[in-house]
Amino acid sequence: MKIGRHFRLNDNMKMIIGRNNSDNDALGKIVSDEIVFQTADFPGPLGIVQAQRKLKRKEIELAASLVLRYNSKINDNGKVNYGSNFKLGNHITTAKMTPEESKKFII
């Protein structure tokens, strides 16, 4: 797939983050059972996680941190809404991942 940035967060989780509005739109169209992540207070990239099981709190925090990494309006910490199939009723506040940290997850 040539849409977005692709990451392997662990053996059970793959994440795709949109690079621009076009990617975000394309990702939004393919969501079926994925978990969607989106910054709460500023427009930004859409992240979708494909996982083999229910995510643990640390995995949710990791995915949220990675979405914040690609939002230029977030400096240090931010709030990310998440949920299955765009039912973004959950949120988490976490630190923005550094570029160096994110490199180890890139596929």
PDB file of N, CA and C in Angstrom:
ATOM      1  N   MET A   1       0.846  -1.183   0.000  1.00  0.00           N
ATOM      2  CA  MET A   1       0.000   0.000   0.000  1.00  0.00           C
ATOM      3  C   MET A   1       0.885   1.238   0.000  1.00  0.00           C
ATOM      4  N   LYS A   2       0.582   2.185  -0.847  1.00  0.00           N
ATOM      5  CA  LYS A   2       1.398   3.384  -0.968  1.00  0.00           C
ATOM      6  C   LYS A   2       0.784   4.586  -0.263  1.00  0.00           C
ATOM      7  N   ILE A   3      -0.169   4.331   0.582  1.00  0.00           N
ATOM      8  CA  ILE A   3      -0.813   5.415   1.323  1.00  0.00           C
ATOM      9  C   ILE A   3      -0.173   5.525   2.692  1.00  0.00           C
ATOM     10  N   GLY A   4       0.252   6.716   3.064  1.00  0.00           N
ATOM     11  CA  GLY A   4       0.719   6.990   4.414  1.00  0.00           C
ATOM     12  C   GLY A   4       2.078   6.425   4.771  1.00  0.00           C
ATOM     13  N   ARG A   5       2.418   6.640   6.028  1.00  0.00           N
ATOM     14  CA  ARG A   5       3.648   6.097   6.623  1.00  0.00           C
ATOM     15  C   ARG A   5       3.270   4.808   7.343  1.00  0.00           C
ATOM     16  N   HIS A   6       4.093   3.787   7.210  1.00  0.00           N
ATOM     17  CA  HIS A   6       3.783   2.480   7.791  1.00  0.00           C
ATOM     18  C   HIS A   6       4.752   2.169   8.928  1.00  0.00           C
ATOM     19  N   PHE A   7       4.185   1.644  10.022  1.00  0.00           N
ATOM     20  CA  PHE A   7       4.961   1.349  11.224  1.00  0.00           C
ATOM     21  C   PHE A   7       4.585  -0.025  11.770  1.00  0.00           C
ATOM     22  N   ARG A   8       5.554  -0.721  12.308  1.00  0.00           N
ATOM     23  CA  ARG A   8       5.327  -1.960  13.049  1.00  0.00           C
ATOM     24  C   ARG A   8       5.616  -1.615  14.502  1.00  0.00           C
ATOM     25  N   LEU A   9       4.559  -1.515  15.320  1.00  0.00           N
ATOM     26  CA  LEU A   9       4.722  -1.109  16.713  1.00  0.00           C
ATOM     27  C   LEU A   9       5.142  -2.266  17.605  1.00  0.00           C
ATOM     28  N   ASN A  10       4.686  -3.458  17.275  1.00  0.00           N
ATOM     29  CA  ASN A  10       5.128  -4.689  17.938  1.00  0.00           C
ATOM     30  C   ASN A  10       4.670  -5.858  17.069  1.00  0.00           C
ATOM     31  N   ASP A  11       4.824  -7.064  17.557  1.00  0.00           N
ATOM     32  CA  ASP A  11       4.469  -8.242  16.753  1.00  0.00           C
ATOM     33  C   ASP A  11       2.984  -8.315  16.422  1.00  0.00           C
ATOM     34  N   ASN A  12       2.150  -7.654  17.206  1.00  0.00           N
ATOM     35  CA  ASN A  12       0.700  -7.728  17.018  1.00  0.00           C
ATOM     36  C   ASN A  12       0.074  -6.472  16.417  1.00  0.00           C
ATOM     37  N   MET A  13       0.874  -5.424  16.207  1.00  0.00           N
ATOM     38  CA  MET A  13       0.309  -4.133  15.800  1.00  0.00           C
ATOM     39  C   MET A  13       1.035  -3.514  14.621  1.00  0.00           C
ATOM     40  N   LYS A  14       0.253  -3.109  13.633  1.00  0.00           N
ATOM     41  CA  LYS A  14       0.765  -2.321  12.520  1.00  0.00           C
ATOM     42  C   LYS A  14      -0.033  -1.022  12.502  1.00  0.00           C
ATOM     43  N   MET A  15       0.652   0.087  12.198  1.00  0.00           N
ATOM     44  CA  MET A  15      -0.010   1.386  12.160  1.00  0.00           C
ATOM     45  C   MET A  15       0.312   2.086  10.854  1.00  0.00           C
ATOM     46  N   ILE A  16      -0.692   2.770  10.308  1.00  0.00           N
ATOM     47  CA  ILE A  16      -0.505   3.611   9.131  1.00  0.00           C
ATOM     48  C   ILE A  16      -0.964   5.009   9.517  1.00  0.00           C
ATOM     49  N   ILE A  17      -0.130   6.003   9.209  1.00  0.00           N
ATOM     50  CA  ILE A  17      -0.450   7.399   9.505  1.00  0.00           C
ATOM     51  C   ILE A  17      -0.441   8.184   8.208  1.00  0.00           C
ATOM     52  N   GLY A  18      -1.500   8.930   7.977  1.00  0.00           N
ATOM     53  CA  GLY A  18      -1.606   9.737   6.765  1.00  0.00           C
ATOM     54  C   GLY A  18      -0.558  10.834   6.715  1.00  0.00           C
ATOM     55  N   ARG A  19      -0.040  11.083   5.501  1.00  0.00           N
ATOM     56  CA  ARG A  19       0.948  12.149   5.291  1.00  0.00           C
ATOM     57  C   ARG A  19       0.288  13.493   4.983  1.00  0.00           C
ATOM     58  N   ASN A  20      -0.940  13.446   4.449  1.00  0.00           N
ATOM     59  CA  ASN A  20      -1.627  14.661   4.014  1.00  0.00           C
ATOM     60  C   ASN A  20      -3.132  14.373   3.969  1.00  0.00           C
ATOM     61  N   ASN A  21      -3.905  15.357   3.559  1.00  0.00           N
ATOM     62  CA  ASN A  21      -5.367  15.189   3.515  1.00  0.00           C
ATOM     63  C   ASN A  21      -5.783  14.061   2.584  1.00  0.00           C
ATOM     64  N   SER A  22      -5.092  13.925   1.474  1.00  0.00           N
ATOM     65  CA  SER A  22      -5.413  12.862   0.516  1.00  0.00           C
ATOM     66  C   SER A  22      -5.224  11.485   1.154  1.00  0.00           C
ATOM     67  N   ASP A  23      -4.105  11.303   1.862  1.00  0.00           N
ATOM     68  CA  ASP A  23      -3.866  10.037   2.580  1.00  0.00           C
ATOM     69  C   ASP A  23      -4.929   9.810   3.640  1.00  0.00           C
ATOM     70  N   ASN A  24      -5.252  10.868   4.400  1.00  0.00           N
ATOM     71  CA  ASN A  24      -6.258  10.736   5.456  1.00  0.00           C
ATOM     72  C   ASN A  24      -7.596  10.293   4.877  1.00  0.00           C
ATOM     73  N   ASP A  25      -7.973  10.892   3.749  1.00  0.00           N
ATOM     74  CA  ASP A  25      -9.231  10.514   3.093  1.00  0.00           C
ATOM     75  C   ASP A  25      -9.208   9.058   2.644  1.00  0.00           C
ATOM     76  N   ALA A  26      -8.091   8.646   2.033  1.00  0.00           N
ATOM     77  CA  ALA A  26      -7.965   7.261   1.552  1.00  0.00           C
ATOM     78  C   ALA A  26      -7.994   6.272   2.714  1.00  0.00           C
ATOM     79  N   LEU A  27      -7.300   6.593   3.795  1.00  0.00           N
ATOM     80  CA  LEU A  27      -7.302   5.720   4.969  1.00  0.00           C
ATOM     81  C   LEU A  27      -8.703   5.622   5.563  1.00  0.00           C
ATOM     82  N   GLY A  28      -9.401   6.742   5.606  1.00  0.00           N
ATOM     83  CA  GLY A  28     -10.756   6.752   6.146  1.00  0.00           C
ATOM     84  C   GLY A  28     -11.700   5.835   5.391  1.00  0.00           C
ATOM     85  N   LYS A  29     -11.449   5.661   4.108  1.00  0.00           N
ATOM     86  CA  LYS A  29     -12.313   4.817   3.277  1.00  0.00           C
ATOM     87  C   LYS A  29     -12.055   3.326   3.469  1.00  0.00           C
ATOM     88  N   ILE A  30     -10.870   2.970   3.965  1.00  0.00           N
ATOM     89  CA  ILE A  30     -10.554   1.540   4.100  1.00  0.00           C
ATOM     90  C   ILE A  30     -10.741   1.008   5.521  1.00  0.00           C
ATOM     91  N   VAL A  31     -11.091   1.890   6.453  1.00  0.00           N
ATOM     92  CA  VAL A  31     -11.277   1.455   7.842  1.00  0.00           C
ATOM     93  C   VAL A  31     -12.452   0.486   7.925  1.00  0.00           C
ATOM     94  N   SER A  32     -12.186  -0.676   8.546  1.00  0.00           N
ATOM     95  CA  SER A  32     -13.268  -1.627   8.792  1.00  0.00           C
ATOM     96  C   SER A  32     -13.281  -1.994  10.278  1.00  0.00           C
ATOM     97  N   ASP A  33     -12.301  -2.746  10.737  1.00  0.00           N
ATOM     98  CA  ASP A  33     -12.237  -3.109  12.157  1.00  0.00           C
ATOM     99  C   ASP A  33     -11.023  -2.497  12.851  1.00  0.00           C
ATOM    100  N   GLU A  34     -10.409  -1.521  12.220  1.00  0.00           N
ATOM    101  CA  GLU A  34      -9.210  -0.912  12.784  1.00  0.00           C
ATOM    102  C   GLU A  34      -9.557   0.080  13.884  1.00  0.00           C
ATOM    103  N   ILE A  35      -8.543   0.410  14.663  1.00  0.00           N
ATOM    104  CA  ILE A  35      -8.674   1.437  15.688  1.00  0.00           C
ATOM    105  C   ILE A  35      -8.119   2.726  15.099  1.00  0.00           C
ATOM    106  N   VAL A  36      -8.905   3.781  15.165  1.00  0.00           N
ATOM    107  CA  VAL A  36      -8.560   5.053  14.561  1.00  0.00           C
ATOM    108  C   VAL A  36      -8.056   6.006  15.644  1.00  0.00           C
ATOM    109  N   PHE A  37      -6.983   6.746  15.322  1.00  0.00           N
ATOM    110  CA  PHE A  37      -6.403   7.737  16.220  1.00  0.00           C
ATOM    111  C   PHE A  37      -6.372   9.083  15.501  1.00  0.00           C
ATOM    112  N   GLN A  38      -6.791  10.146  16.213  1.00  0.00           N
ATOM    113  CA  GLN A  38      -6.810  11.480  15.625  1.00  0.00           C
ATOM    114  C   GLN A  38      -6.597  12.509  16.727  1.00  0.00           C
ATOM    115  N   THR A  39      -5.739  13.501  16.469  1.00  0.00           N
ATOM    116  CA  THR A  39      -5.510  14.531  17.480  1.00  0.00           C
ATOM    117  C   THR A  39      -6.815  15.253  17.785  1.00  0.00           C
ATOM    118  N   ALA A  40      -6.987  15.625  19.036  1.00  0.00           N
ATOM    119  CA  ALA A  40      -8.259  16.178  19.494  1.00  0.00           C
ATOM    120  C   ALA A  40      -8.374  17.679  19.259  1.00  0.00           C
ATOM    121  N   ASP A  41      -7.318  18.431  19.496  1.00  0.00           N
ATOM    122  CA  ASP A  41      -7.435  19.885  19.532  1.00  0.00           C
ATOM    123  C   ASP A  41      -6.975  20.598  18.269  1.00  0.00           C
ATOM    124  N   PHE A  42      -6.301  19.893  17.380  1.00  0.00           N
ATOM    125  CA  PHE A  42      -5.795  20.483  16.149  1.00  0.00           C
ATOM    126  C   PHE A  42      -6.001  19.505  15.001  1.00  0.00           C
ATOM    127  N   PRO A  43      -6.258  20.017  13.791  1.00  0.00           N
ATOM    128  CA  PRO A  43      -6.296  19.107  12.641  1.00  0.00           C
ATOM    129  C   PRO A  43      -4.930  18.451  12.487  1.00  0.00           C
ATOM    130  N   GLY A  44      -4.913  17.259  11.946  1.00  0.00           N
ATOM    131  CA  GLY A  44      -3.635  16.574  11.775  1.00  0.00           C
ATOM    132  C   GLY A  44      -3.824  15.234  11.128  1.00  0.00           C
ATOM    133  N   PRO A  45      -2.798  14.429  11.206  1.00  0.00           N
ATOM    134  CA  PRO A  45      -2.845  13.136  10.531  1.00  0.00           C
ATOM    135  C   PRO A  45      -3.831  12.165  11.175  1.00  0.00           C
ATOM    136  N   LEU A  46      -4.326  11.283  10.345  1.00  0.00           N
ATOM    137  CA  LEU A  46      -5.181  10.189  10.790  1.00  0.00           C
ATOM    138  C   LEU A  46      -4.300   8.961  10.943  1.00  0.00           C
ATOM    139  N   GLY A  47      -4.436   8.257  12.044  1.00  0.00           N
ATOM    140  CA  GLY A  47      -3.701   7.014  12.243  1.00  0.00           C
ATOM    141  C   GLY A  47      -4.673   5.859  12.402  1.00  0.00           C
ATOM    142  N   ILE A  48      -4.351   4.748  11.756  1.00  0.00           N
ATOM    143  CA  ILE A  48      -5.165   3.550  11.959  1.00  0.00           C
ATOM    144  C   ILE A  48      -4.252   2.418  12.404  1.00  0.00           C
ATOM    145  N   VAL A  49      -4.739   1.646  13.352  1.00  0.00           N
ATOM    146  CA  VAL A  49      -3.985   0.519  13.894  1.00  0.00           C
ATOM    147  C   VAL A  49      -4.718  -0.766  13.577  1.00  0.00           C
ATOM    148  N   GLN A  50      -3.969  -1.695  13.020  1.00  0.00           N
ATOM    149  CA  GLN A  50      -4.461  -3.052  12.805  1.00  0.00           C
ATOM    150  C   GLN A  50      -3.802  -3.901  13.886  1.00  0.00           C
ATOM    151  N   ALA A  51      -4.624  -4.560  14.691  1.00  0.00           N
ATOM    152  CA  ALA A  51      -4.101  -5.356  15.799  1.00  0.00           C
ATOM    153  C   ALA A  51      -4.810  -6.702  15.844  1.00  0.00           C
ATOM    154  N   GLN A  52      -4.110  -7.685  16.373  1.00  0.00           N
ATOM    155  CA  GLN A  52      -4.638  -9.041  16.459  1.00  0.00           C
ATOM    156  C   GLN A  52      -5.456  -9.278  17.727  1.00  0.00           C
ATOM    157  N   ARG A  53      -5.437  -8.276  18.625  1.00  0.00           N
ATOM    158  CA  ARG A  53      -6.154  -8.408  19.888  1.00  0.00           C
ATOM    159  C   ARG A  53      -6.471  -7.010  20.410  1.00  0.00           C
ATOM    160  N   LYS A  54      -7.204  -6.955  21.520  1.00  0.00           N
ATOM    161  CA  LYS A  54      -7.505  -5.672  22.143  1.00  0.00           C
ATOM    162  C   LYS A  54      -6.206  -5.021  22.618  1.00  0.00           C
ATOM    163  N   LEU A  55      -6.080  -3.726  22.381  1.00  0.00           N
ATOM    164  CA  LEU A  55      -4.861  -3.017  22.744  1.00  0.00           C
ATOM    165  C   LEU A  55      -4.761  -2.777  24.246  1.00  0.00           C
ATOM    166  N   LYS A  56      -3.555  -2.883  24.754  1.00  0.00           N
ATOM    167  CA  LYS A  56      -3.267  -2.543  26.146  1.00  0.00           C
ATOM    168  C   LYS A  56      -3.049  -1.040  26.245  1.00  0.00           C
ATOM    169  N   ARG A  57      -3.143  -0.513  27.445  1.00  0.00           N
ATOM    170  CA  ARG A  57      -2.978   0.937  27.679  1.00  0.00           C
ATOM    171  C   ARG A  57      -1.655   1.453  27.110  1.00  0.00           C
ATOM    172  N   LYS A  58      -0.565   0.753  27.326  1.00  0.00           N
ATOM    173  CA  LYS A  58       0.750   1.182  26.826  1.00  0.00           C
ATOM    174  C   LYS A  58       0.780   1.213  25.297  1.00  0.00           C
ATOM    175  N   GLU A  59       0.075   0.296  24.654  1.00  0.00           N
ATOM    176  CA  GLU A  59       0.024   0.267  23.187  1.00  0.00           C
ATOM    177  C   GLU A  59      -0.794   1.437  22.645  1.00  0.00           C
ATOM    178  N   ILE A  60      -1.871   1.780  23.333  1.00  0.00           N
ATOM    179  CA  ILE A  60      -2.675   2.941  22.956  1.00  0.00           C
ATOM    180  C   ILE A  60      -1.834   4.206  23.090  1.00  0.00           C
ATOM    181  N   GLU A  61      -1.095   4.302  24.181  1.00  0.00           N
ATOM    182  CA  GLU A  61      -0.233   5.461  24.409  1.00  0.00           C
ATOM    183  C   GLU A  61       0.848   5.559  23.336  1.00  0.00           C
ATOM    184  N   LEU A  62       1.419   4.429  22.954  1.00  0.00           N
ATOM    185  CA  LEU A  62       2.447   4.411  21.908  1.00  0.00           C
ATOM    186  C   LEU A  62       1.878   4.905  20.578  1.00  0.00           C
ATOM    187  N   ALA A  63       0.726   4.399  20.189  1.00  0.00           N
ATOM    188  CA  ALA A  63       0.095   4.807  18.932  1.00  0.00           C
ATOM    189  C   ALA A  63      -0.269   6.293  18.965  1.00  0.00           C
ATOM    190  N   ALA A  64      -0.803   6.756  20.073  1.00  0.00           N
ATOM    191  CA  ALA A  64      -1.171   8.175  20.208  1.00  0.00           C
ATOM    192  C   ALA A  64       0.068   9.066  20.118  1.00  0.00           C
ATOM    193  N   SER A  65       1.134   8.654  20.759  1.00  0.00           N
ATOM    194  CA  SER A  65       2.380   9.403  20.734  1.00  0.00           C
ATOM    195  C   SER A  65       2.926   9.525  19.311  1.00  0.00           C
ATOM    196  N   LEU A  66       2.770   8.467  18.539  1.00  0.00           N
ATOM    197  CA  LEU A  66       3.239   8.474  17.151  1.00  0.00           C
ATOM    198  C   LEU A  66       2.376   9.399  16.285  1.00  0.00           C
ATOM    199  N   VAL A  67       1.068   9.433  16.505  1.00  0.00           N
ATOM    200  CA  VAL A  67       0.200  10.368  15.771  1.00  0.00           C
ATOM    201  C   VAL A  67       0.600  11.804  16.098  1.00  0.00           C
ATOM    202  N   LEU A  68       0.883  12.084  17.365  1.00  0.00           N
ATOM    203  CA  LEU A  68       1.316  13.424  17.756  1.00  0.00           C
ATOM    204  C   LEU A  68       2.636  13.798  17.091  1.00  0.00           C
ATOM    205  N   ARG A  69       3.489  12.829  16.900  1.00  0.00           N
ATOM    206  CA  ARG A  69       4.803  13.067  16.264  1.00  0.00           C
ATOM    207  C   ARG A  69       4.653  13.750  14.907  1.00  0.00           C
ATOM    208  N   TYR A  70       3.598  13.434  14.187  1.00  0.00           N
ATOM    209  CA  TYR A  70       3.411  13.967  12.842  1.00  0.00           C
ATOM    210  C   TYR A  70       2.412  15.126  12.790  1.00  0.00           C
ATOM    211  N   ASN A  71       2.122  15.748  13.920  1.00  0.00           N
ATOM    212  CA  ASN A  71       1.284  16.936  13.948  1.00  0.00           C
ATOM    213  C   ASN A  71       2.170  18.132  14.291  1.00  0.00           C
ATOM    214  N   SER A  72       2.361  19.017  13.346  1.00  0.00           N
ATOM    215  CA  SER A  72       3.274  20.157  13.522  1.00  0.00           C
ATOM    216  C   SER A  72       2.752  21.190  14.523  1.00  0.00           C
ATOM    217  N   LYS A  73       1.474  21.155  14.855  1.00  0.00           N
ATOM    218  CA  LYS A  73       0.909  22.124  15.788  1.00  0.00           C
ATOM    219  C   LYS A  73       1.074  21.712  17.251  1.00  0.00           C
ATOM    220  N   ILE A  74       1.475  20.476  17.487  1.00  0.00           N
ATOM    221  CA  ILE A  74       1.684  19.966  18.852  1.00  0.00           C
ATOM    222  C   ILE A  74       3.166  20.074  19.181  1.00  0.00           C
ATOM    223  N   ASN A  75       3.482  20.692  20.317  1.00  0.00           N
ATOM    224  CA  ASN A  75       4.884  20.843  20.697  1.00  0.00           C
ATOM    225  C   ASN A  75       5.386  19.687  21.555  1.00  0.00           C
ATOM    226  N   ASP A  76       4.761  19.440  22.688  1.00  0.00           N
ATOM    227  CA  ASP A  76       5.266  18.430  23.622  1.00  0.00           C
ATOM    228  C   ASP A  76       4.235  17.348  23.937  1.00  0.00           C
ATOM    229  N   ASN A  77       3.108  17.752  24.482  1.00  0.00           N
ATOM    230  CA  ASN A  77       2.052  16.831  24.880  1.00  0.00           C
ATOM    231  C   ASN A  77       0.771  17.176  24.131  1.00  0.00           C
ATOM    232  N   GLY A  78      -0.071  16.175  23.945  1.00  0.00           N
ATOM    233  CA  GLY A  78      -1.326  16.439  23.272  1.00  0.00           C
ATOM    234  C   GLY A  78      -2.366  15.392  23.601  1.00  0.00           C
ATOM    235  N   LYS A  79      -3.594  15.737  23.246  1.00  0.00           N
ATOM    236  CA  LYS A  79      -4.722  14.844  23.470  1.00  0.00           C
ATOM    237  C   LYS A  79      -5.081  14.186  22.146  1.00  0.00           C
ATOM    238  N   VAL A  80      -5.287  12.872  22.191  1.00  0.00           N
ATOM    239  CA  VAL A  80      -5.629  12.102  20.997  1.00  0.00           C
ATOM    240  C   VAL A  80      -6.924  11.342  21.274  1.00  0.00           C
ATOM    241  N   ASN A  81      -7.862  11.474  20.361  1.00  0.00           N
ATOM    242  CA  ASN A  81      -9.099  10.698  20.427  1.00  0.00           C
ATOM    243  C   ASN A  81      -8.879   9.390  19.678  1.00  0.00           C
ATOM    244  N   TYR A  82      -9.510   8.324  20.155  1.00  0.00           N
ATOM    245  CA  TYR A  82      -9.359   7.037  19.479  1.00  0.00           C
ATOM    246  C   TYR A  82     -10.584   6.164  19.708  1.00  0.00           C
ATOM    247  N   GLY A  83     -10.733   5.190  18.838  1.00  0.00           N
ATOM    248  CA  GLY A  83     -11.821   4.240  18.956  1.00  0.00           C
ATOM    249  C   GLY A  83     -11.951   3.411  17.692  1.00  0.00           C
ATOM    250  N   SER A  84     -12.765   2.405  17.729  1.00  0.00           N
ATOM    251  CA  SER A  84     -12.975   1.525  16.578  1.00  0.00           C
ATOM    252  C   SER A  84     -13.857   2.206  15.548  1.00  0.00           C
ATOM    253  N   ASN A  85     -13.444   2.092  14.293  1.00  0.00           N
ATOM    254  CA  ASN A  85     -14.280   2.528  13.164  1.00  0.00           C
ATOM    255  C   ASN A  85     -14.832   3.946  13.307  1.00  0.00           C
ATOM    256  N   PHE A  86     -13.997   4.878  13.691  1.00  0.00           N
ATOM    257  CA  PHE A  86     -14.352   6.295  13.832  1.00  0.00           C
ATOM    258  C   PHE A  86     -15.317   6.587  14.970  1.00  0.00           C
ATOM    259  N   LYS A  87     -15.519   5.654  15.868  1.00  0.00           N
ATOM    260  CA  LYS A  87     -16.270   5.942  17.093  1.00  0.00           C
ATOM    261  C   LYS A  87     -15.230   6.386  18.119  1.00  0.00           C
ATOM    262  N   LEU A  88     -14.841   7.664  18.022  1.00  0.00           N
ATOM    263  CA  LEU A  88     -13.705   8.190  18.780  1.00  0.00           C
ATOM    264  C   LEU A  88     -14.121   8.684  20.165  1.00  0.00           C
ATOM    265  N   GLY A  89     -14.760   7.825  20.921  1.00  0.00           N
ATOM    266  CA  GLY A  89     -15.262   8.187  22.238  1.00  0.00           C
ATOM    267  C   GLY A  89     -14.238   8.116  23.351  1.00  0.00           C
ATOM    268  N   ASN A  90     -13.041   7.642  23.049  1.00  0.00           N
ATOM    269  CA  ASN A  90     -11.986   7.540  24.056  1.00  0.00           C
ATOM    270  C   ASN A  90     -10.917   8.581  23.758  1.00  0.00           C
ATOM    271  N   HIS A  91     -10.186   8.974  24.784  1.00  0.00           N
ATOM    272  CA  HIS A  91      -9.065   9.876  24.554  1.00  0.00           C
ATOM    273  C   HIS A  91      -7.944   9.591  25.539  1.00  0.00           C
ATOM    274  N   ILE A  92      -6.760  10.025  25.123  1.00  0.00           N
ATOM    275  CA  ILE A  92      -5.573   9.881  25.951  1.00  0.00           C
ATOM    276  C   ILE A  92      -4.706  11.113  25.740  1.00  0.00           C
ATOM    277  N   THR A  93      -4.080  11.576  26.804  1.00  0.00           N
ATOM    278  CA  THR A  93      -3.120  12.668  26.715  1.00  0.00           C
ATOM    279  C   THR A  93      -1.748  12.066  26.957  1.00  0.00           C
ATOM    280  N   THR A  94      -0.828  12.354  26.047  1.00  0.00           N
ATOM    281  CA  THR A  94       0.495  11.751  26.132  1.00  0.00           C
ATOM    282  C   THR A  94       1.534  12.665  25.494  1.00  0.00           C
ATOM    283  N   ALA A  95       2.792  12.294  25.647  1.00  0.00           N
ATOM    284  CA  ALA A  95       3.899  13.061  25.083  1.00  0.00           C
ATOM    285  C   ALA A  95       4.071  12.743  23.605  1.00  0.00           C
ATOM    286  N   LYS A  96       4.495  13.724  22.860  1.00  0.00           N
ATOM    287  CA  LYS A  96       4.790  13.574  21.445  1.00  0.00           C
ATOM    288  C   LYS A  96       6.075  12.776  21.280  1.00  0.00           C
ATOM    289  N   MET A  97       6.046  11.767  20.440  1.00  0.00           N
ATOM    290  CA  MET A  97       7.227  10.956  20.174  1.00  0.00           C
ATOM    291  C   MET A  97       8.264  11.784  19.422  1.00  0.00           C
ATOM    292  N   THR A  98       9.534  11.581  19.716  1.00  0.00           N
ATOM    293  CA  THR A  98      10.590  12.294  19.005  1.00  0.00           C
ATOM    294  C   THR A  98      10.855  11.624  17.654  1.00  0.00           C
ATOM    295  N   PRO A  99      11.420  12.365  16.716  1.00  0.00           N
ATOM    296  CA  PRO A  99      11.776  11.746  15.422  1.00  0.00           C
ATOM    297  C   PRO A  99      12.706  10.553  15.584  1.00  0.00           C
ATOM    298  N   GLU A 100      13.634  10.644  16.502  1.00  0.00           N
ATOM    299  CA  GLU A 100      14.577   9.538  16.728  1.00  0.00           C
ATOM    300  C   GLU A 100      13.862   8.277  17.220  1.00  0.00           C
ATOM    301  N   GLU A 101      12.927   8.458  18.141  1.00  0.00           N
ATOM    302  CA  GLU A 101      12.165   7.310  18.659  1.00  0.00           C
ATOM    303  C   GLU A 101      11.325   6.671  17.572  1.00  0.00           C
ATOM    304  N   SER A 102      10.735   7.480  16.705  1.00  0.00           N
ATOM    305  CA  SER A 102       9.828   6.943  15.684  1.00  0.00           C
ATOM    306  C   SER A 102      10.542   6.116  14.634  1.00  0.00           C
ATOM    307  N   LYS A 103      11.825   6.380  14.414  1.00  0.00           N
ATOM    308  CA  LYS A 103      12.585   5.663  13.377  1.00  0.00           C
ATOM    309  C   LYS A 103      12.621   4.159  13.611  1.00  0.00           C
ATOM    310  N   LYS A 104      12.607   3.725  14.859  1.00  0.00           N
ATOM    311  CA  LYS A 104      12.711   2.293  15.131  1.00  0.00           C
ATOM    312  C   LYS A 104      11.439   1.515  14.773  1.00  0.00           C
ATOM    313  N   PHE A 105      10.351   2.237  14.512  1.00  0.00           N
ATOM    314  CA  PHE A 105       9.087   1.579  14.173  1.00  0.00           C
ATOM    315  C   PHE A 105       8.754   1.592  12.682  1.00  0.00           C
ATOM    316  N   ILE A 106       9.474   2.392  11.903  1.00  0.00           N
ATOM    317  CA  ILE A 106       9.175   2.545  10.472  1.00  0.00           C
ATOM    318  C   ILE A 106       9.434   1.225   9.740  1.00  0.00           C
ATOM    319  N   ILE A 107       8.474   0.874   8.886  1.00  0.00           N
ATOM    320  CA  ILE A 107       8.646  -0.326   8.054  1.00  0.00           C
ATOM    321  C   ILE A 107       9.305   0.081   6.755  1.00  0.00           C
TER     322      ILE A 107
END
